[in-house]
Amino acid sequence: MALKNRTGLFAIGTTVAAFIFILIAFCTPYWLQNDEKIENPQFIKIGLWEVCFVNFEDFRHHYDYRFTGCWWVFEEEYYIIHDFLLPGFFIATQFFFTLCTTLLLVGIFLTWMYCFCSRDHDKYILLLLSNGSNLVLSGIFGVIACLIFGINGDRRDWMPNWQHNSLGFSYAFACIGSLLLFPAGALFMIEARRARYRRLASSQPPSQYSMELPKSSHTDI
């Protein structure tokens, strides 16, 4: 690993922390969950890609079938309740958080390149600016996803027993990770600015005129 200053080390650490939080949020099904304070809850938990029911039956449809177990949200058996299970706000949350995660994966790769890149490399400043901008954009998409789900996730007309549903740790991790992306991107941009100033200072020719004090004249009388 090339020698990094304190700003660069903080940028790397913040990016890695954001990646861990967002990866957990992306993969775990605890964006919304039941508080287990009622008997026989039909809804247990849901994440971006998985939902868990126990003897769930959508009252808006007339069919004798109850959903039990944890399944992929796009499972073929769920097609009859897709209009209930996958409302517009949930699809939007999936879309924006997937963009956030995808850009963060690119950011992790750029951060890995930064770890082994020398300050004297021609593309060093471009690498820093690209990574910083990418992480900030990823954070924007993540915050949009969190806002959409936070506003609509526990509304009354979605999952049953809405009084006993609450936002889970997966959603909290998504918020934390998304917010961490902003200081991570800012730190890379600050480092890029410092690198640019260092190059400008090193490219300037040394002054040809030295400041010398005039010699005092001494006359013997």
Protein backbone atom coordinates (compact mmCIF):
# COMPACT_ATOMS: atom_id res chain seq x y z
CA MET A 1 0.00 0.00 0.00
CA ALA A 2 1.28 3.44 -0.94
CA LEU A 3 1.85 5.87 1.92
CA LYS A 4 -1.34 7.79 2.74
CA ASN A 5 -1.92 10.80 4.95
CA ARG A 6 -4.56 11.10 7.62
CA THR A 7 -7.25 12.39 5.24
CA GLY A 8 -6.74 9.46 2.89
CA LEU A 9 -6.87 6.93 5.73
CA PHE A 10 -10.10 8.43 7.07
CA ALA A 11 -11.57 8.34 3.55
CA ILE A 12 -10.70 4.66 3.19
CA GLY A 13 -12.09 3.77 6.62
CA THR A 14 -15.35 5.68 6.08
CA THR A 15 -15.88 4.06 2.69
CA VAL A 16 -15.34 0.57 4.09
CA ALA A 17 -17.72 1.27 7.00
CA ALA A 18 -20.41 2.54 4.60
CA PHE A 19 -19.95 -0.53 2.42
CA ILE A 20 -20.47 -2.88 5.39
CA PHE A 21 -23.65 -1.10 6.51
CA ILE A 22 -25.13 -0.92 3.01
CA LEU A 23 -24.26 -4.51 2.13
CA ILE A 24 -26.00 -5.77 5.28
CA ALA A 25 -29.03 -3.59 4.56
CA PHE A 26 -29.15 -4.77 0.95
CA CYS A 27 -29.08 -8.47 1.86
CA THR A 28 -31.08 -8.74 5.11
CA PRO A 29 -34.92 -8.86 5.32
CA TYR A 30 -35.44 -6.48 8.24
CA TRP A 31 -36.49 -3.23 6.63
CA LEU A 32 -39.96 -3.62 8.18
CA GLN A 33 -40.79 -6.17 10.87
CA ASN A 34 -43.49 -7.16 13.32
CA ASP A 35 -42.88 -6.30 16.97
CA GLU A 36 -44.18 -9.76 18.07
CA LYS A 37 -46.58 -8.20 20.57
CA ILE A 38 -49.65 -9.83 19.02
CA GLU A 39 -50.61 -13.46 18.75
CA ASN A 40 -50.41 -15.21 15.39
CA PRO A 41 -49.18 -12.29 13.27
CA GLN A 42 -49.64 -12.81 9.55
CA PHE A 43 -46.73 -10.58 8.61
CA ILE A 44 -43.26 -11.23 10.09
CA LYS A 45 -40.67 -9.20 8.17
CA ILE A 46 -39.71 -7.87 4.78
CA GLY A 47 -36.51 -6.68 3.13
CA LEU A 48 -35.76 -5.50 -0.36
CA TRP A 49 -35.76 -9.05 -1.74
CA GLU A 50 -37.42 -11.32 0.83
CA VAL A 51 -40.72 -11.36 2.72
CA CYS A 52 -41.97 -13.66 5.48
CA PHE A 53 -45.64 -14.47 6.13
CA VAL A 54 -47.54 -16.86 8.41
CA ASN A 55 -50.95 -17.91 7.07
CA PHE A 56 -51.27 -14.61 5.23
CA GLU A 57 -54.37 -14.08 3.11
CA ASP A 58 -55.03 -10.88 1.20
CA PHE A 59 -58.57 -9.81 2.10
CA ARG A 60 -58.91 -7.90 -1.19
CA HIS A 61 -58.81 -11.12 -3.22
CA HIS A 62 -61.18 -14.07 -3.13
CA TYR A 63 -59.10 -17.23 -3.13
CA ASP A 64 -58.48 -20.04 -0.69
CA TYR A 65 -54.72 -19.83 -0.38
CA ARG A 66 -52.59 -18.72 2.53
CA PHE A 67 -48.92 -17.74 2.23
CA THR A 68 -46.52 -19.13 4.81
CA GLY A 69 -42.75 -18.95 4.97
CA CYS A 70 -39.98 -16.68 3.72
CA TRP A 71 -39.85 -16.20 -0.03
CA TRP A 72 -38.24 -14.05 -2.67
CA VAL A 73 -40.53 -11.07 -3.29
CA PHE A 74 -40.64 -11.88 -7.02
CA GLU A 75 -41.52 -15.54 -6.41
CA GLU A 76 -43.92 -16.90 -8.98
CA GLU A 77 -46.42 -17.94 -6.30
CA TYR A 78 -46.76 -14.30 -5.26
CA TYR A 79 -47.97 -13.13 -8.66
CA ILE A 80 -51.59 -13.01 -7.44
CA ILE A 81 -50.68 -10.46 -4.75
CA HIS A 82 -48.02 -8.48 -6.62
CA ASP A 83 -50.22 -5.39 -6.61
CA PHE A 84 -50.29 -5.57 -2.81
CA LEU A 85 -46.78 -6.86 -2.15
CA LEU A 86 -44.94 -4.61 -4.60
CA PRO A 87 -46.49 -1.13 -4.54
CA GLY A 88 -44.86 1.73 -6.42
CA PHE A 89 -42.93 3.10 -3.42
CA PHE A 90 -41.37 -0.31 -2.74
CA ILE A 91 -40.23 -0.72 -6.34
CA ALA A 92 -38.76 2.79 -6.17
CA THR A 93 -36.92 1.89 -2.96
CA GLN A 94 -35.47 -1.22 -4.60
CA PHE A 95 -34.43 0.79 -7.66
CA PHE A 96 -32.66 3.63 -5.87
CA PHE A 97 -30.97 1.43 -3.28
CA THR A 98 -29.75 -0.92 -5.98
CA LEU A 99 -28.21 2.08 -7.75
CA CYS A 100 -26.64 3.11 -4.45
CA THR A 101 -25.16 -0.36 -3.90
CA THR A 102 -23.92 -0.66 -7.48
CA LEU A 103 -22.14 2.69 -7.36
CA LEU A 104 -20.68 1.80 -3.98
CA LEU A 105 -19.21 -1.39 -5.46
CA VAL A 106 -17.55 0.81 -8.08
CA GLY A 107 -16.38 3.07 -5.24
CA ILE A 108 -14.85 0.13 -3.37
CA PHE A 109 -12.90 -0.81 -6.49
CA LEU A 110 -11.69 2.78 -6.94
CA THR A 111 -10.77 2.92 -3.26
CA TRP A 112 -8.74 -0.26 -3.67
CA MET A 113 -6.94 1.34 -6.61
CA TYR A 114 -6.30 4.44 -4.51
CA CYS A 115 -4.67 2.32 -1.80
CA PHE A 116 -1.94 1.24 -4.21
CA CYS A 117 -1.70 4.37 -6.35
CA SER A 118 1.28 6.67 -6.00
CA ARG A 119 0.81 10.40 -5.56
CA ASP A 120 3.07 10.93 -8.56
CA HIS A 121 0.84 8.98 -10.94
CA ASP A 122 -0.64 11.02 -13.78
CA LYS A 123 -4.20 9.88 -12.98
CA TYR A 124 -3.94 10.24 -9.20
CA ILE A 125 -6.06 13.41 -8.98
CA LEU A 126 -8.57 12.07 -11.52
CA LEU A 127 -8.92 8.89 -9.45
CA LEU A 128 -9.63 10.90 -6.30
CA LEU A 129 -12.19 13.15 -7.97
CA SER A 130 -13.92 10.23 -9.68
CA ASN A 131 -14.19 8.24 -6.48
CA GLY A 132 -15.37 11.22 -4.45
CA SER A 133 -18.08 12.13 -6.97
CA ASN A 134 -19.15 8.50 -7.29
CA LEU A 135 -19.53 8.06 -3.52
CA VAL A 136 -21.53 11.27 -3.13
CA LEU A 137 -23.86 10.22 -5.96
CA SER A 138 -24.24 6.81 -4.33
CA GLY A 139 -25.14 8.51 -1.06
CA ILE A 140 -27.79 10.63 -2.78
CA PHE A 141 -29.46 7.53 -4.23
CA GLY A 142 -29.28 5.80 -0.85
CA VAL A 143 -30.87 8.74 0.97
CA ILE A 144 -33.66 8.89 -1.63
CA ALA A 145 -34.37 5.18 -1.08
CA CYS A 146 -34.39 5.62 2.70
CA LEU A 147 -36.72 8.62 2.53
CA ILE A 148 -39.19 6.81 0.26
CA PHE A 149 -39.33 3.74 2.48
CA GLY A 150 -39.29 5.72 5.72
CA ILE A 151 -42.34 7.72 4.65
CA ASN A 152 -44.35 4.81 3.22
CA GLY A 153 -43.02 1.62 4.81
CA ASP A 154 -45.29 1.44 7.85
CA ARG A 155 -48.40 2.98 6.35
CA ARG A 156 -51.80 1.49 7.15
CA ASP A 157 -52.70 0.12 3.73
CA TRP A 158 -49.64 -2.06 3.17
CA MET A 159 -48.72 -4.88 5.55
CA PRO A 160 -51.33 -6.26 8.01
CA ASN A 161 -51.38 -5.19 11.66
CA TRP A 162 -49.66 -1.93 10.82
CA GLN A 163 -49.88 -0.85 14.49
CA HIS A 164 -47.37 -3.58 15.37
CA ASN A 165 -44.99 -3.04 12.46
CA SER A 166 -41.85 -0.97 12.80
CA LEU A 167 -38.77 -0.15 10.77
CA GLY A 168 -36.02 -2.69 11.43
CA PHE A 169 -32.26 -2.69 11.73
CA SER A 170 -31.77 -3.24 7.98
CA TYR A 171 -33.43 0.12 7.34
CA ALA A 172 -31.33 1.74 10.07
CA PHE A 173 -28.15 0.32 8.52
CA ALA A 174 -29.25 1.62 5.11
CA CYS A 175 -29.63 5.13 6.54
CA ILE A 176 -26.29 5.03 8.37
CA GLY A 177 -24.43 3.67 5.36
CA SER A 178 -25.98 6.19 2.98
CA LEU A 179 -25.07 9.11 5.23
CA LEU A 180 -21.50 7.86 5.65
CA LEU A 181 -21.01 8.04 1.89
CA PHE A 182 -21.13 11.85 1.96
CA PRO A 183 -18.13 12.40 4.27
CA ALA A 184 -16.30 9.58 2.46
CA GLY A 185 -16.76 11.30 -0.90
CA ALA A 186 -15.92 14.70 0.58
CA LEU A 187 -12.67 13.38 2.04
CA PHE A 188 -11.56 12.04 -1.33
CA MET A 189 -12.34 15.41 -2.93
CA ILE A 190 -10.39 17.24 -0.20
CA GLU A 191 -7.44 14.95 -0.82
CA ALA A 192 -7.71 15.66 -4.56
CA ARG A 193 -7.60 19.40 -3.89
CA ARG A 194 -4.54 19.03 -1.69
CA ALA A 195 -2.82 16.88 -4.31
CA ARG A 196 -3.50 19.54 -6.94
CA TYR A 197 -2.01 22.27 -4.77
CA ARG A 198 1.06 20.13 -4.11
CA ARG A 199 1.60 19.61 -7.83
CA LEU A 200 1.16 23.30 -8.57
CA ALA A 201 3.65 24.18 -5.86
CA SER A 202 6.19 21.65 -7.10
CA SER A 203 5.81 22.73 -10.74
CA GLN A 204 6.66 26.38 -10.06
CA PRO A 205 10.32 27.22 -10.78
CA PRO A 206 12.37 28.43 -7.81
CA SER A 207 12.83 32.15 -7.52
CA GLN A 208 15.91 33.46 -9.32
CA TYR A 209 16.29 36.36 -6.99
CA SER A 210 17.52 35.78 -3.49
CA MET A 211 16.69 38.21 -0.80
CA GLU A 212 20.03 39.37 0.56
CA LEU A 213 20.59 42.14 3.00
CA PRO A 214 22.82 44.91 1.65
CA LYS A 215 26.25 45.00 3.16
CA SER A 216 26.81 47.85 5.49
CA SER A 217 29.50 50.26 4.32
CA HIS A 218 32.35 50.93 6.69
CA THR A 219 34.74 53.86 6.21
CA ASP A 220 37.89 54.26 8.18
CA ILE A 221 38.62 57.83 9.04
